[in-house]
C-alpha cells in the first residue's frame, strides 16, 4: 500500500501540461487546403484560424505566414 501512496504523490507532482518549458510559449500550426483552393478561400480560412487562436484564453499574439508550400521556395 505504501508503494501505491508514493506513486500517487509522485503523479500528483507531475506537470499536467503537454507543452514543455523549452517551447517558451510558441505554437506552430499548419493549415492545408485542397489543391486548387482560391487565394480568397485561403485568406478566409487563415483569418478564421487567427480568430480562433486569438479567442483562446492566455493567447497574447498571433501571426500568419501564407505560402503555397513551406517545403518549396516561392516562385
N, C-alpha and C. Protein backbone atom coordinates (compact mmCIF):
# COMPACT_ATOMS: atom_id res chain seq x y z
N UNK A 1 0.82 -1.20 0.00
CA UNK A 1 0.00 0.00 0.00
C UNK A 1 0.86 1.26 0.00
N UNK A 2 2.01 1.19 0.70
CA UNK A 2 2.90 2.34 0.76
C UNK A 2 3.43 2.72 -0.61
N UNK A 3 3.73 1.72 -1.44
CA UNK A 3 4.23 1.99 -2.78
C UNK A 3 3.18 2.70 -3.63
N UNK A 4 1.94 2.30 -3.48
CA UNK A 4 0.85 2.96 -4.22
C UNK A 4 0.72 4.41 -3.77
N UNK A 5 0.86 4.66 -2.48
CA UNK A 5 0.77 6.02 -1.96
C UNK A 5 1.90 6.90 -2.48
N UNK A 6 3.12 6.37 -2.49
CA UNK A 6 4.26 7.12 -3.01
C UNK A 6 4.06 7.41 -4.50
N UNK A 7 3.60 6.41 -5.24
CA UNK A 7 3.35 6.60 -6.67
C UNK A 7 2.30 7.69 -6.90
N UNK A 8 1.24 7.68 -6.09
CA UNK A 8 0.19 8.68 -6.23
C UNK A 8 0.73 10.08 -5.95
N UNK A 9 1.59 10.22 -4.95
CA UNK A 9 2.18 11.53 -4.65
C UNK A 9 3.07 12.02 -5.80
N UNK A 10 3.84 11.12 -6.37
CA UNK A 10 4.71 11.50 -7.50
C UNK A 10 3.90 11.91 -8.72
N UNK A 11 2.82 11.17 -9.00
CA UNK A 11 1.96 11.54 -10.13
C UNK A 11 1.31 12.89 -9.90
N UNK A 12 0.96 13.20 -8.66
CA UNK A 12 0.34 14.49 -8.34
C UNK A 12 1.31 15.65 -8.58
N UNK A 13 2.62 15.41 -8.42
CA UNK A 13 3.62 16.46 -8.62
C UNK A 13 3.99 16.64 -10.09
N UNK A 14 3.62 15.70 -10.93
CA UNK A 14 3.97 15.75 -12.34
C UNK A 14 3.17 16.85 -13.04
N UNK A 15 3.81 17.72 -13.84
CA UNK A 15 3.09 18.76 -14.57
C UNK A 15 2.01 18.14 -15.47
N UNK A 16 0.89 18.84 -15.59
CA UNK A 16 -0.22 18.31 -16.40
C UNK A 16 -0.23 18.85 -17.82
N UNK A 17 0.54 19.89 -18.11
CA UNK A 17 0.57 20.47 -19.45
C UNK A 17 1.36 19.60 -20.41
N UNK A 18 1.08 19.75 -21.70
CA UNK A 18 1.78 18.96 -22.71
C UNK A 18 2.86 19.75 -23.44
N UNK A 19 2.96 21.05 -23.15
CA UNK A 19 3.98 21.88 -23.81
C UNK A 19 5.13 22.08 -22.83
N UNK A 20 6.31 21.60 -23.15
CA UNK A 20 7.45 21.74 -22.23
C UNK A 20 7.89 23.20 -22.09
N UNK A 21 8.60 23.50 -21.01
CA UNK A 21 9.07 24.87 -20.77
C UNK A 21 9.97 25.36 -21.90
N UNK A 22 10.70 24.45 -22.56
CA UNK A 22 11.60 24.85 -23.63
C UNK A 22 10.86 25.48 -24.80
N UNK A 23 9.57 25.23 -24.92
CA UNK A 23 8.78 25.77 -26.02
C UNK A 23 8.61 27.28 -25.90
N UNK A 24 8.80 27.83 -24.72
CA UNK A 24 8.69 29.25 -24.45
C UNK A 24 7.36 29.84 -24.90
N UNK A 25 6.32 29.04 -24.94
CA UNK A 25 5.00 29.55 -25.26
C UNK A 25 4.69 29.69 -26.73
N UNK A 26 5.54 29.18 -27.61
CA UNK A 26 5.28 29.27 -29.04
C UNK A 26 4.59 28.01 -29.54
N UNK A 27 3.66 28.19 -30.45
CA UNK A 27 2.98 27.07 -31.08
C UNK A 27 2.95 27.34 -32.59
N UNK A 28 3.37 26.37 -33.36
CA UNK A 28 3.34 26.50 -34.82
C UNK A 28 2.25 25.58 -35.33
N UNK A 29 1.40 26.12 -36.17
CA UNK A 29 0.26 25.38 -36.71
C UNK A 29 0.29 25.47 -38.23
N UNK A 30 -0.13 24.41 -38.89
CA UNK A 30 -0.18 24.37 -40.35
C UNK A 30 -1.62 24.17 -40.79
N UNK A 31 -2.06 24.99 -41.71
CA UNK A 31 -3.39 24.83 -42.31
C UNK A 31 -3.17 24.44 -43.76
N UNK A 32 -3.72 23.30 -44.15
CA UNK A 32 -3.54 22.83 -45.53
C UNK A 32 -4.91 22.71 -46.19
N UNK A 33 -5.07 23.42 -47.28
CA UNK A 33 -6.31 23.36 -48.04
C UNK A 33 -6.12 22.44 -49.24
N UNK A 34 -7.21 21.99 -49.84
CA UNK A 34 -7.10 21.12 -51.02
C UNK A 34 -6.41 21.84 -52.18
N UNK A 35 -5.74 21.10 -53.04
CA UNK A 35 -5.11 21.72 -54.22
C UNK A 35 -6.15 22.49 -55.04
N UNK A 36 -5.76 23.63 -55.54
CA UNK A 36 -6.66 24.43 -56.37
C UNK A 36 -7.52 25.40 -55.58
N UNK A 37 -7.35 25.48 -54.27
CA UNK A 37 -8.13 26.42 -53.47
C UNK A 37 -7.77 27.84 -53.87
N UNK A 38 -8.75 28.70 -53.91
CA UNK A 38 -8.51 30.08 -54.33
C UNK A 38 -7.81 30.86 -53.22
N UNK A 39 -7.16 31.94 -53.60
CA UNK A 39 -6.50 32.80 -52.64
C UNK A 39 -7.51 33.40 -51.67
N UNK A 40 -8.69 33.75 -52.17
CA UNK A 40 -9.75 34.31 -51.32
C UNK A 40 -10.18 33.29 -50.26
N UNK A 41 -10.38 32.04 -50.67
CA UNK A 41 -10.78 30.99 -49.72
C UNK A 41 -9.67 30.74 -48.71
N UNK A 42 -8.43 30.72 -49.17
CA UNK A 42 -7.30 30.52 -48.28
C UNK A 42 -7.24 31.63 -47.24
N UNK A 43 -7.42 32.87 -47.67
CA UNK A 43 -7.38 34.01 -46.75
C UNK A 43 -8.49 33.91 -45.71
N UNK A 44 -9.68 33.49 -46.11
CA UNK A 44 -10.79 33.35 -45.16
C UNK A 44 -10.50 32.27 -44.13
N UNK A 45 -9.92 31.15 -44.56
CA UNK A 45 -9.60 30.06 -43.64
C UNK A 45 -8.51 30.49 -42.66
N UNK A 46 -7.48 31.16 -43.17
CA UNK A 46 -6.39 31.64 -42.32
C UNK A 46 -6.94 32.65 -41.30
N UNK A 47 -7.78 33.56 -41.75
CA UNK A 47 -8.36 34.56 -40.84
C UNK A 47 -9.22 33.90 -39.77
N UNK A 48 -9.96 32.89 -40.14
CA UNK A 48 -10.77 32.15 -39.16
C UNK A 48 -9.87 31.48 -38.13
N UNK A 49 -8.76 30.91 -38.58
CA UNK A 49 -7.81 30.30 -37.66
C UNK A 49 -7.23 31.32 -36.69
N UNK A 50 -6.87 32.48 -37.21
CA UNK A 50 -6.35 33.55 -36.37
C UNK A 50 -7.39 33.97 -35.33
N UNK A 51 -8.63 34.10 -35.75
CA UNK A 51 -9.70 34.49 -34.83
C UNK A 51 -9.87 33.47 -33.71
N UNK A 52 -9.83 32.19 -34.06
CA UNK A 52 -9.96 31.13 -33.05
C UNK A 52 -8.78 31.16 -32.08
N UNK A 53 -7.58 31.30 -32.62
CA UNK A 53 -6.39 31.32 -31.78
C UNK A 53 -6.40 32.52 -30.84
N UNK A 54 -6.72 33.71 -31.36
CA UNK A 54 -6.74 34.90 -30.52
C UNK A 54 -7.88 34.88 -29.51
N UNK A 55 -8.93 34.10 -29.79
CA UNK A 55 -10.04 33.97 -28.86
C UNK A 55 -9.77 32.96 -27.74
N UNK A 56 -8.62 32.32 -27.78
CA UNK A 56 -8.26 31.33 -26.77
C UNK A 56 -7.64 32.04 -25.56
N UNK A 57 -8.11 31.69 -24.39
CA UNK A 57 -7.63 32.29 -23.15
C UNK A 57 -6.11 32.08 -23.02
N UNK A 58 -5.41 33.15 -22.70
CA UNK A 58 -3.97 33.08 -22.50
C UNK A 58 -3.13 33.39 -23.72
N UNK A 59 -3.77 33.52 -24.89
CA UNK A 59 -3.02 33.83 -26.11
C UNK A 59 -2.86 35.34 -26.20
N UNK A 60 -1.62 35.77 -26.36
CA UNK A 60 -1.33 37.20 -26.41
C UNK A 60 -1.25 37.74 -27.83
N UNK A 61 -0.67 36.95 -28.74
CA UNK A 61 -0.47 37.43 -30.11
C UNK A 61 -0.47 36.24 -31.07
N UNK A 62 -0.69 36.54 -32.34
CA UNK A 62 -0.73 35.50 -33.36
C UNK A 62 -0.25 36.12 -34.68
N UNK A 63 0.48 35.34 -35.44
CA UNK A 63 0.93 35.80 -36.75
C UNK A 63 0.70 34.70 -37.77
N UNK A 64 0.71 35.05 -39.03
CA UNK A 64 0.46 34.06 -40.08
C UNK A 64 1.43 34.27 -41.24
N UNK A 65 1.88 33.17 -41.79
CA UNK A 65 2.72 33.18 -42.99
C UNK A 65 1.96 32.40 -44.04
N UNK A 66 1.69 33.02 -45.17
CA UNK A 66 0.93 32.37 -46.23
C UNK A 66 1.87 32.02 -47.37
N UNK A 67 1.98 30.73 -47.63
CA UNK A 67 2.83 30.24 -48.73
C UNK A 67 2.15 29.04 -49.35
N UNK A 68 2.47 28.79 -50.60
CA UNK A 68 1.89 27.62 -51.25
C UNK A 68 2.47 26.34 -50.69
N UNK A 69 3.72 26.38 -50.22
CA UNK A 69 4.34 25.24 -49.59
C UNK A 69 5.53 25.71 -48.78
N UNK A 70 5.65 25.20 -47.58
CA UNK A 70 6.79 25.55 -46.74
C UNK A 70 8.02 24.75 -47.16
N UNK A 71 7.83 23.73 -47.97
CA UNK A 71 8.93 22.89 -48.37
C UNK A 71 9.54 23.31 -49.70
N UNK A 72 8.79 24.10 -50.48
CA UNK A 72 9.29 24.54 -51.78
C UNK A 72 9.45 26.06 -51.77
N UNK A 73 10.48 26.56 -52.43
CA UNK A 73 10.65 28.02 -52.47
C UNK A 73 9.53 28.69 -53.26
N UNK A 74 9.23 29.93 -52.92
CA UNK A 74 8.21 30.69 -53.66
C UNK A 74 8.67 30.93 -55.09
N UNK A 75 7.73 31.02 -55.99
CA UNK A 75 8.06 31.27 -57.41
C UNK A 75 7.89 32.71 -57.74
